[in-house]
Amino acid sequence: MARQSIFTMPFAKVYPLYVQKAERKNRTKEEVDQVICWLTGYDRAGLQRQIEQGNDFETFFAQAPALHPNAALIKGVVCGVRVEAIEDPLMQRIRYLDKLVDELAKGKKMESILRK
């Protein structure tokens, strides 16, 4: 199976786009960081290191301390595909992250986004 180009894309290249999307909807960089850290288990310093190192998505998720146990509760459609139906684990994690940022930008409450 061919590797997806998103897998080799530097996380640091996409991260500012997540922040811009959220800020356009009056959310903050700190909230984006919070949802990323919730999903991946990184603390803010670890997230910053990943950005500074320029790691690709594959490395970003491979080095993540722990995917949140409630990540499987993330449901919905991203790019026309149901995230819960994605078979490739890495692609599913990337789409989980996309979905969380989408929910943030749509104004959902943080408690709902973090599946509490």
C-alpha atoms as a PDB file:
ATOM      1  CA  MET A   1       0.000   0.000   0.000  1.00  0.00           C
ATOM      2  CA  ALA A   2       1.357   3.429  -0.925  1.00  0.00           C
ATOM      3  CA  ARG A   3       2.149   5.729   1.963  1.00  0.00           C
ATOM      4  CA  GLN A   4      -0.084   8.758   2.265  1.00  0.00           C
ATOM      5  CA  SER A   5       1.703  12.045   1.627  1.00  0.00           C
ATOM      6  CA  ILE A   6       0.184  13.486   4.815  1.00  0.00           C
ATOM      7  CA  PHE A   7       2.226  10.927   6.792  1.00  0.00           C
ATOM      8  CA  THR A   8       5.478  12.541   5.695  1.00  0.00           C
ATOM      9  CA  MET A   9       4.261  16.126   5.951  1.00  0.00           C
ATOM     10  CA  PRO A  10       5.911  18.043   8.795  1.00  0.00           C
ATOM     11  CA  PHE A  11       3.485  18.537  11.669  1.00  0.00           C
ATOM     12  CA  ALA A  12       4.974  22.033  12.095  1.00  0.00           C
ATOM     13  CA  LYS A  13       3.691  22.922   8.628  1.00  0.00           C
ATOM     14  CA  VAL A  14       0.080  22.016   9.482  1.00  0.00           C
ATOM     15  CA  TYR A  15       0.050  23.246  13.090  1.00  0.00           C
ATOM     16  CA  PRO A  16      -0.184  26.966  12.166  1.00  0.00           C
ATOM     17  CA  LEU A  17      -3.147  26.129   9.920  1.00  0.00           C
ATOM     18  CA  TYR A  18      -4.931  24.527  12.877  1.00  0.00           C
ATOM     19  CA  VAL A  19      -4.250  27.661  14.935  1.00  0.00           C
ATOM     20  CA  GLN A  20      -5.428  29.982  12.143  1.00  0.00           C
ATOM     21  CA  LYS A  21      -8.632  28.004  11.681  1.00  0.00           C
ATOM     22  CA  ALA A  22      -9.398  28.231  15.392  1.00  0.00           C
ATOM     23  CA  GLU A  23      -8.442  31.913  15.696  1.00  0.00           C
ATOM     24  CA  ARG A  24     -10.715  32.850  12.764  1.00  0.00           C
ATOM     25  CA  LYS A  25     -13.554  31.564  14.927  1.00  0.00           C
ATOM     26  CA  ASN A  26     -12.430  33.422  18.062  1.00  0.00           C
ATOM     27  CA  ARG A  27     -10.721  30.440  19.659  1.00  0.00           C
ATOM     28  CA  THR A  28      -7.124  30.515  20.866  1.00  0.00           C
ATOM     29  CA  LYS A  29      -3.778  28.855  20.195  1.00  0.00           C
ATOM     30  CA  GLU A  30      -3.881  27.645  23.801  1.00  0.00           C
ATOM     31  CA  GLU A  31      -7.165  25.839  23.103  1.00  0.00           C
ATOM     32  CA  VAL A  32      -5.659  24.218  19.998  1.00  0.00           C
ATOM     33  CA  ASP A  33      -2.695  23.104  22.110  1.00  0.00           C
ATOM     34  CA  GLN A  34      -5.071  21.768  24.749  1.00  0.00           C
ATOM     35  CA  VAL A  35      -6.942  19.520  22.297  1.00  0.00           C
ATOM     36  CA  ILE A  36      -3.680  18.310  20.701  1.00  0.00           C
ATOM     37  CA  CYS A  37      -2.217  17.506  24.119  1.00  0.00           C
ATOM     38  CA  TRP A  38      -5.445  15.787  25.187  1.00  0.00           C
ATOM     39  CA  LEU A  39      -5.402  13.527  22.127  1.00  0.00           C
ATOM     40  CA  THR A  40      -1.687  12.701  22.083  1.00  0.00           C
ATOM     41  CA  GLY A  41      -0.567  12.829  25.698  1.00  0.00           C
ATOM     42  CA  TYR A  42       2.104  15.435  24.951  1.00  0.00           C
ATOM     43  CA  ASP A  43       2.557  18.198  27.478  1.00  0.00           C
ATOM     44  CA  ARG A  44       3.001  21.702  26.083  1.00  0.00           C
ATOM     45  CA  ALA A  45       6.794  21.452  26.168  1.00  0.00           C
ATOM     46  CA  GLY A  46       6.697  18.143  24.305  1.00  0.00           C
ATOM     47  CA  LEU A  47       4.346  19.594  21.709  1.00  0.00           C
ATOM     48  CA  GLN A  48       6.669  22.555  21.231  1.00  0.00           C
ATOM     49  CA  ARG A  49       9.649  20.195  20.805  1.00  0.00           C
ATOM     50  CA  GLN A  50       7.809  18.291  18.081  1.00  0.00           C
ATOM     51  CA  ILE A  51       7.137  21.555  16.246  1.00  0.00           C
ATOM     52  CA  GLU A  52      10.740  22.748  16.605  1.00  0.00           C
ATOM     53  CA  GLN A  53      12.155  19.408  15.448  1.00  0.00           C
ATOM     54  CA  GLY A  54      10.017  19.511  12.314  1.00  0.00           C
ATOM     55  CA  ASN A  55       8.860  15.918  12.753  1.00  0.00           C
ATOM     56  CA  ASP A  56       6.407  14.523  10.231  1.00  0.00           C
ATOM     57  CA  PHE A  57       2.952  13.281  11.255  1.00  0.00           C
ATOM     58  CA  GLU A  58       4.149   9.687  11.360  1.00  0.00           C
ATOM     59  CA  THR A  59       6.916  10.553  13.844  1.00  0.00           C
ATOM     60  CA  PHE A  60       4.669  12.982  15.726  1.00  0.00           C
ATOM     61  CA  PHE A  61       2.160  10.224  16.490  1.00  0.00           C
ATOM     62  CA  ALA A  62       4.798   7.487  16.926  1.00  0.00           C
ATOM     63  CA  GLN A  63       6.492   9.552  19.644  1.00  0.00           C
ATOM     64  CA  ALA A  64       3.228  10.637  21.279  1.00  0.00           C
ATOM     65  CA  PRO A  65       3.199   9.530  24.912  1.00  0.00           C
ATOM     66  CA  ALA A  66      -0.278   7.943  24.724  1.00  0.00           C
ATOM     67  CA  LEU A  67      -3.376   8.326  22.629  1.00  0.00           C
ATOM     68  CA  HIS A  68      -6.201   9.373  24.958  1.00  0.00           C
ATOM     69  CA  PRO A  69      -8.388   6.400  25.918  1.00  0.00           C
ATOM     70  CA  ASN A  70     -11.494   8.373  24.899  1.00  0.00           C
ATOM     71  CA  ALA A  71     -10.174   9.043  21.384  1.00  0.00           C
ATOM     72  CA  ALA A  72     -12.404   6.232  20.132  1.00  0.00           C
ATOM     73  CA  LEU A  73     -15.379   8.409  21.114  1.00  0.00           C
ATOM     74  CA  ILE A  74     -14.455  10.877  18.358  1.00  0.00           C
ATOM     75  CA  LYS A  75     -17.031  10.378  15.651  1.00  0.00           C
ATOM     76  CA  GLY A  76     -18.074  12.268  12.561  1.00  0.00           C
ATOM     77  CA  VAL A  77     -16.992  13.177   9.068  1.00  0.00           C
ATOM     78  CA  VAL A  78     -13.718  14.803   8.018  1.00  0.00           C
ATOM     79  CA  CYS A  79     -12.939  15.293   4.328  1.00  0.00           C
ATOM     80  CA  GLY A  80     -16.011  13.254   3.441  1.00  0.00           C
ATOM     81  CA  VAL A  81     -14.905  10.198   5.426  1.00  0.00           C
ATOM     82  CA  ARG A  82     -16.249   8.947   8.750  1.00  0.00           C
ATOM     83  CA  VAL A  83     -13.314   9.009  11.170  1.00  0.00           C
ATOM     84  CA  GLU A  84     -14.525   5.941  13.032  1.00  0.00           C
ATOM     85  CA  ALA A  85     -14.457   3.933   9.765  1.00  0.00           C
ATOM     86  CA  ILE A  86     -10.839   4.723   8.824  1.00  0.00           C
ATOM     87  CA  GLU A  87      -8.834   1.504   8.910  1.00  0.00           C
ATOM     88  CA  ASP A  88      -5.268   2.846   8.870  1.00  0.00           C
ATOM     89  CA  PRO A  89      -4.421   3.705  12.514  1.00  0.00           C
ATOM     90  CA  LEU A  90      -2.148   6.633  11.626  1.00  0.00           C
ATOM     91  CA  MET A  91      -4.645   8.162   9.214  1.00  0.00           C
ATOM     92  CA  GLN A  92      -7.359   7.738  11.820  1.00  0.00           C
ATOM     93  CA  ARG A  93      -5.263   9.599  14.414  1.00  0.00           C
ATOM     94  CA  ILE A  94      -4.598  12.427  11.968  1.00  0.00           C
ATOM     95  CA  ARG A  95      -8.325  12.676  11.214  1.00  0.00           C
ATOM     96  CA  TYR A  96      -9.134  12.572  14.944  1.00  0.00           C
ATOM     97  CA  LEU A  97      -6.931  15.634  15.306  1.00  0.00           C
ATOM     98  CA  ASP A  98      -8.597  17.323  12.329  1.00  0.00           C
ATOM     99  CA  LYS A  99     -12.031  16.592  13.818  1.00  0.00           C
ATOM    100  CA  LEU A 100     -11.085  18.049  17.211  1.00  0.00           C
ATOM    101  CA  VAL A 101      -9.826  21.261  15.604  1.00  0.00           C
ATOM    102  CA  ASP A 102     -13.009  21.417  13.477  1.00  0.00           C
ATOM    103  CA  GLU A 103     -15.142  21.092  16.604  1.00  0.00           C
ATOM    104  CA  LEU A 104     -13.122  23.809  18.315  1.00  0.00           C
ATOM    105  CA  ALA A 105     -13.568  26.131  15.337  1.00  0.00           C
ATOM    106  CA  LYS A 106     -17.298  25.410  15.266  1.00  0.00           C
ATOM    107  CA  GLY A 107     -17.614  26.745  18.796  1.00  0.00           C
ATOM    108  CA  LYS A 108     -18.246  23.517  20.672  1.00  0.00           C
ATOM    109  CA  LYS A 109     -17.603  23.629  24.390  1.00  0.00           C
ATOM    110  CA  MET A 110     -14.206  22.328  25.444  1.00  0.00           C
ATOM    111  CA  GLU A 111     -15.840  19.780  27.764  1.00  0.00           C
ATOM    112  CA  SER A 112     -17.653  18.256  24.771  1.00  0.00           C
ATOM    113  CA  ILE A 113     -14.558  18.337  22.536  1.00  0.00           C
ATOM    114  CA  LEU A 114     -12.522  16.527  25.181  1.00  0.00           C
ATOM    115  CA  ARG A 115     -15.214  13.863  25.512  1.00  0.00           C
ATOM    116  CA  LYS A 116     -15.823  14.425  29.221  1.00  0.00           C
END
